[in-house]
N, C-alpha and C. Protein backbone atom coordinates (compact mmCIF):
# COMPACT_ATOMS: atom_id res chain seq x y z
N MET A 1 -6.98 51.51 -49.95
CA MET A 1 -7.87 50.39 -50.64
C MET A 1 -7.36 50.96 -52.11
N ALA A 2 -6.59 51.65 -53.03
CA ALA A 2 -5.82 52.01 -54.60
C ALA A 2 -5.12 50.62 -54.83
N GLU A 3 -3.80 50.31 -53.54
CA GLU A 3 -2.97 49.34 -52.82
C GLU A 3 -4.02 48.00 -53.72
N ILE A 4 -4.42 47.67 -52.86
CA ILE A 4 -5.56 46.69 -53.30
C ILE A 4 -6.11 46.10 -54.55
N LYS A 5 -6.99 47.05 -54.89
CA LYS A 5 -7.03 47.19 -56.04
C LYS A 5 -6.13 47.30 -57.48
N ASP A 6 -5.55 48.13 -57.18
CA ASP A 6 -4.28 48.08 -58.19
C ASP A 6 -3.65 46.17 -58.12
N PHE A 7 -3.21 45.80 -56.90
CA PHE A 7 -2.70 44.48 -57.27
C PHE A 7 -3.45 43.51 -57.68
N TYR A 8 -4.82 43.36 -57.55
CA TYR A 8 -5.49 42.31 -58.27
C TYR A 8 -6.07 42.29 -59.74
N GLU A 9 -6.19 44.14 -60.15
CA GLU A 9 -6.56 44.34 -61.26
C GLU A 9 -4.81 44.23 -62.15
N SER A 10 -3.83 44.05 -61.69
CA SER A 10 -2.73 44.27 -62.83
C SER A 10 -2.39 42.61 -62.76
N GLY A 11 -3.53 41.63 -62.24
CA GLY A 11 -3.08 40.16 -62.53
C GLY A 11 -2.06 39.80 -61.00
N ARG A 12 -1.87 40.50 -60.47
CA ARG A 12 -0.34 39.63 -59.60
C ARG A 12 -1.00 39.17 -58.87
N GLY A 13 -3.01 39.33 -58.33
CA GLY A 13 -3.11 38.71 -57.04
C GLY A 13 -3.92 37.39 -58.07
N ASP A 14 -4.39 37.17 -59.07
CA ASP A 14 -4.43 35.74 -59.58
C ASP A 14 -4.42 34.64 -58.78
N ARG A 15 -2.99 34.41 -59.13
CA ARG A 15 -2.69 32.87 -57.93
C ARG A 15 -3.01 32.84 -56.91
N LEU A 16 -4.23 33.80 -55.92
CA LEU A 16 -4.24 33.87 -55.12
C LEU A 16 -5.80 32.84 -54.70
N ILE A 17 -6.35 33.18 -56.54
CA ILE A 17 -7.29 32.70 -56.41
C ILE A 17 -7.58 31.35 -57.73
N ASP A 18 -6.00 30.67 -57.51
CA ASP A 18 -5.77 30.08 -58.44
C ASP A 18 -6.07 28.47 -57.56
N PRO A 19 -7.20 27.50 -57.35
CA PRO A 19 -7.80 26.59 -56.90
C PRO A 19 -6.29 25.68 -56.73
N PHE A 20 -5.83 25.20 -57.95
CA PHE A 20 -4.74 24.22 -57.94
C PHE A 20 -3.30 24.76 -56.97
N LEU A 21 -2.83 25.99 -56.59
CA LEU A 21 -1.97 26.98 -56.16
C LEU A 21 -2.46 27.07 -54.12
N PHE A 22 -3.51 26.57 -54.55
CA PHE A 22 -3.89 26.50 -52.38
C PHE A 22 -3.43 25.75 -51.80
N PRO A 23 -2.67 25.90 -50.38
CA PRO A 23 -2.12 25.31 -49.77
C PRO A 23 -3.47 24.38 -49.20
N GLU A 24 -2.97 23.38 -48.74
CA GLU A 24 -4.51 22.15 -48.45
C GLU A 24 -5.07 22.40 -47.05
N GLU A 25 -4.51 23.34 -46.13
CA GLU A 25 -5.16 24.33 -45.61
C GLU A 25 -6.61 25.13 -46.07
N ILE A 26 -6.47 25.93 -47.11
CA ILE A 26 -7.47 26.80 -47.74
C ILE A 26 -8.08 25.89 -48.39
N LYS A 27 -8.13 24.32 -48.91
CA LYS A 27 -8.23 23.37 -49.32
C LYS A 27 -9.25 23.41 -48.31
N GLN A 28 -8.80 22.71 -47.30
CA GLN A 28 -10.20 22.27 -46.34
C GLN A 28 -11.07 23.30 -45.92
N PHE A 29 -10.10 24.27 -45.94
CA PHE A 29 -11.43 25.68 -45.41
C PHE A 29 -12.36 25.77 -46.10
N LEU A 30 -12.27 25.37 -47.47
CA LEU A 30 -13.43 25.83 -48.53
C LEU A 30 -14.21 24.82 -48.42
N LEU A 31 -13.63 23.38 -48.76
CA LEU A 31 -14.48 22.36 -48.33
C LEU A 31 -15.84 22.55 -47.44
N CYS A 32 -14.83 22.96 -46.19
CA CYS A 32 -16.04 22.78 -45.18
C CYS A 32 -16.92 24.02 -45.43
N GLU A 33 -16.37 25.12 -46.12
CA GLU A 33 -17.31 26.01 -46.37
C GLU A 33 -18.58 25.78 -47.15
N LYS A 34 -18.20 25.35 -48.10
CA LYS A 34 -19.28 24.33 -49.35
C LYS A 34 -20.16 23.58 -48.09
N ARG A 35 -19.96 22.77 -47.78
CA ARG A 35 -20.82 22.03 -46.77
C ARG A 35 -21.60 22.54 -46.02
N ILE A 36 -21.16 23.84 -45.23
CA ILE A 36 -21.70 24.53 -44.78
C ILE A 36 -23.25 24.77 -45.18
N LEU A 37 -22.39 25.64 -46.57
CA LEU A 37 -23.80 26.43 -47.68
C LEU A 37 -24.41 25.36 -48.02
N GLU A 38 -24.35 24.03 -48.20
CA GLU A 38 -25.17 22.74 -48.66
C GLU A 38 -26.02 22.51 -47.64
N ALA A 39 -25.84 22.45 -46.19
CA ALA A 39 -26.23 22.49 -44.95
C ALA A 39 -27.32 23.27 -45.04
N LEU A 40 -27.28 24.38 -44.92
CA LEU A 40 -28.41 25.44 -44.53
C LEU A 40 -28.70 25.35 -46.06
N ALA A 41 -28.82 25.32 -47.28
CA ALA A 41 -29.54 25.74 -48.30
C ALA A 41 -31.39 26.00 -48.14
N GLY A 42 -31.56 24.80 -47.21
CA GLY A 42 -32.99 25.12 -47.07
C GLY A 42 -33.67 26.43 -46.30
N SER A 43 -32.60 26.92 -45.80
CA SER A 43 -33.02 27.62 -44.79
C SER A 43 -32.70 29.42 -45.50
N PHE A 44 -32.84 29.21 -46.98
CA PHE A 44 -32.50 30.54 -47.33
C PHE A 44 -32.89 30.93 -48.70
N ASN A 45 -33.06 32.24 -49.47
CA ASN A 45 -33.47 32.17 -50.77
C ASN A 45 -31.80 33.04 -51.27
N LEU A 46 -31.25 34.03 -50.52
CA LEU A 46 -30.30 34.82 -50.93
C LEU A 46 -28.92 34.39 -50.55
N LEU A 47 -27.99 34.83 -51.77
CA LEU A 47 -26.89 34.34 -50.93
C LEU A 47 -25.93 35.34 -51.11
N VAL A 48 -25.45 35.69 -50.29
CA VAL A 48 -24.88 37.33 -50.27
C VAL A 48 -23.01 36.58 -49.98
N GLU A 49 -23.01 37.33 -50.83
CA GLU A 49 -20.93 36.10 -51.07
C GLU A 49 -19.78 37.87 -50.93
N VAL A 50 -19.56 37.88 -49.64
CA VAL A 50 -18.36 39.48 -49.73
C VAL A 50 -17.52 38.74 -50.44
N GLY A 51 -16.56 39.92 -51.12
CA GLY A 51 -14.95 38.92 -51.55
C GLY A 51 -14.99 38.07 -52.70
N SER A 52 -16.11 38.58 -53.41
CA SER A 52 -16.62 37.41 -54.56
C SER A 52 -15.77 36.94 -55.65
N MET A 53 -14.98 37.66 -55.77
CA MET A 53 -13.98 38.23 -57.06
C MET A 53 -14.65 37.28 -57.77
N TYR A 54 -14.48 36.11 -58.54
CA TYR A 54 -15.21 35.55 -59.61
C TYR A 54 -16.33 34.98 -59.63
N GLY A 55 -17.18 34.57 -58.06
CA GLY A 55 -18.55 34.84 -57.95
C GLY A 55 -18.57 33.15 -57.83
N ARG A 56 -17.36 32.94 -56.76
CA ARG A 56 -17.16 31.26 -56.39
C ARG A 56 -18.46 30.73 -56.14
N TYR A 57 -19.49 31.25 -55.65
CA TYR A 57 -21.13 30.40 -55.80
C TYR A 57 -21.79 30.82 -56.44
N LEU A 58 -21.55 31.50 -57.29
CA LEU A 58 -22.77 32.22 -58.00
C LEU A 58 -23.34 31.15 -58.90
N LYS A 59 -23.05 29.87 -59.58
CA LYS A 59 -23.48 28.84 -60.81
C LYS A 59 -24.04 28.11 -59.21
N TRP A 60 -23.61 28.19 -58.03
CA TRP A 60 -24.69 27.05 -57.23
C TRP A 60 -25.49 27.27 -56.77
N ALA A 61 -25.24 28.86 -56.58
CA ALA A 61 -26.40 29.45 -56.09
C ALA A 61 -27.93 29.55 -57.37
N VAL A 62 -27.93 29.32 -58.36
CA VAL A 62 -28.50 29.57 -59.37
C VAL A 62 -29.05 28.10 -59.62
N GLU A 63 -27.97 26.97 -59.70
CA GLU A 63 -28.37 26.04 -60.14
C GLU A 63 -29.54 25.29 -59.03
N ASN A 64 -29.69 26.34 -57.52
CA ASN A 64 -30.25 25.91 -56.41
C ASN A 64 -31.48 26.90 -56.17
N GLY A 65 -31.24 27.81 -57.39
CA GLY A 65 -32.68 28.59 -57.45
C GLY A 65 -33.09 29.03 -56.25
N LYS A 66 -31.50 30.08 -55.92
CA LYS A 66 -31.54 30.99 -54.95
C LYS A 66 -30.82 31.84 -56.06
N ARG A 67 -31.94 33.01 -55.41
CA ARG A 67 -30.73 34.90 -55.47
C ARG A 67 -29.15 35.24 -54.99
N TYR A 68 -28.85 35.78 -55.77
CA TYR A 68 -27.45 35.86 -55.80
C TYR A 68 -26.61 37.35 -55.46
N PHE A 69 -26.31 38.00 -54.78
CA PHE A 69 -25.52 39.06 -54.95
C PHE A 69 -24.39 38.83 -54.28
N GLY A 70 -23.22 39.10 -55.35
CA GLY A 70 -21.95 39.54 -55.46
C GLY A 70 -21.47 40.82 -55.13
N ILE A 71 -19.94 40.68 -54.11
CA ILE A 71 -19.99 42.16 -53.49
C ILE A 71 -18.04 42.33 -53.56
N ASP A 72 -17.43 42.68 -54.41
CA ASP A 72 -15.73 42.66 -54.35
C ASP A 72 -15.26 44.22 -55.16
N VAL A 73 -14.70 44.30 -55.07
CA VAL A 73 -13.98 45.87 -54.74
C VAL A 73 -12.96 46.03 -56.65
N VAL A 74 -12.53 44.88 -56.38
CA VAL A 74 -12.00 44.00 -57.60
C VAL A 74 -12.88 44.43 -59.11
N GLY A 75 -12.94 45.25 -59.96
CA GLY A 75 -13.55 45.67 -60.94
C GLY A 75 -13.58 44.10 -61.78
N GLU A 76 -12.08 43.97 -62.61
CA GLU A 76 -11.98 42.88 -63.35
C GLU A 76 -12.02 41.31 -63.22
N LYS A 77 -12.10 41.16 -61.74
CA LYS A 77 -13.14 39.89 -61.60
C LYS A 77 -14.62 39.98 -61.10
N GLY A 78 -14.77 41.44 -61.08
CA GLY A 78 -16.25 40.92 -61.18
C GLY A 78 -16.81 41.44 -62.32
N ASP A 79 -16.64 41.61 -64.03
CA ASP A 79 -16.77 42.12 -64.80
C ASP A 79 -18.22 41.00 -65.27
N VAL A 80 -19.30 41.57 -65.21
CA VAL A 80 -20.30 41.08 -65.15
C VAL A 80 -21.29 40.11 -67.09
N SER A 81 -20.23 41.14 -67.62
CA SER A 81 -19.97 40.31 -69.20
C SER A 81 -19.25 39.30 -69.54
N LEU A 82 -17.98 39.12 -68.23
CA LEU A 82 -17.40 37.70 -68.22
C LEU A 82 -18.26 36.62 -67.77
N LEU A 83 -18.74 36.79 -66.39
CA LEU A 83 -19.49 36.24 -65.76
C LEU A 83 -20.73 35.39 -66.71
N ASN A 84 -21.10 36.61 -67.89
CA ASN A 84 -22.70 35.98 -68.49
C ASN A 84 -22.06 35.45 -69.60
N ARG A 85 -20.42 35.53 -70.02
CA ARG A 85 -20.04 34.84 -70.96
C ARG A 85 -19.79 33.09 -70.36
N GLU A 86 -18.98 33.03 -68.98
CA GLU A 86 -19.13 31.86 -68.13
C GLU A 86 -20.09 30.93 -68.16
N PHE A 87 -21.03 31.69 -67.25
CA PHE A 87 -22.25 30.90 -66.67
C PHE A 87 -23.56 30.92 -67.79
N GLY A 88 -23.68 32.36 -68.37
CA GLY A 88 -24.59 32.40 -69.37
C GLY A 88 -26.46 32.26 -69.11
N PHE A 89 -26.04 33.05 -67.53
CA PHE A 89 -27.82 32.18 -67.26
C PHE A 89 -27.84 33.72 -66.26
N LEU A 90 -27.12 35.11 -66.09
CA LEU A 90 -27.17 35.87 -65.36
C LEU A 90 -29.19 36.67 -65.14
N GLY A 91 -29.21 36.84 -64.60
CA GLY A 91 -30.48 37.52 -65.22
C GLY A 91 -31.01 38.45 -63.66
N LYS A 92 -32.17 38.83 -63.96
CA LYS A 92 -32.58 39.86 -62.96
C LYS A 92 -32.70 39.68 -61.81
N TRP A 93 -32.38 38.33 -61.21
CA TRP A 93 -32.27 38.07 -60.10
C TRP A 93 -30.39 37.21 -59.76
N CYS A 94 -30.05 37.87 -60.26
CA CYS A 94 -28.35 37.88 -59.49
C CYS A 94 -27.77 39.01 -60.35
N TYR A 95 -27.21 39.45 -59.21
CA TYR A 95 -26.82 40.82 -58.68
C TYR A 95 -25.14 40.27 -59.17
N TYR A 96 -24.39 40.95 -59.79
CA TYR A 96 -22.70 41.42 -59.18
C TYR A 96 -22.06 41.83 -59.41
């Protein structure tokens, strides 16, 4: 577990979350994932994102009135102050 955390916290894993570097298969997967999320949006109030890194669906959750719980082992990507600066709306119903 320490090696994985070190890999991401060192910045070496950043290229794995840069959408401009994603292969076409990953882009298609994420597009399908978002379509499923939107299709099911009316059936849930809490979105739990496992392996959330920078909170891929945090903004979507807030904009759609959903509670959000992001889980990731990498501390740097889950920095709440960073998310607050980027999105400016983390509150008592968003946990990261």
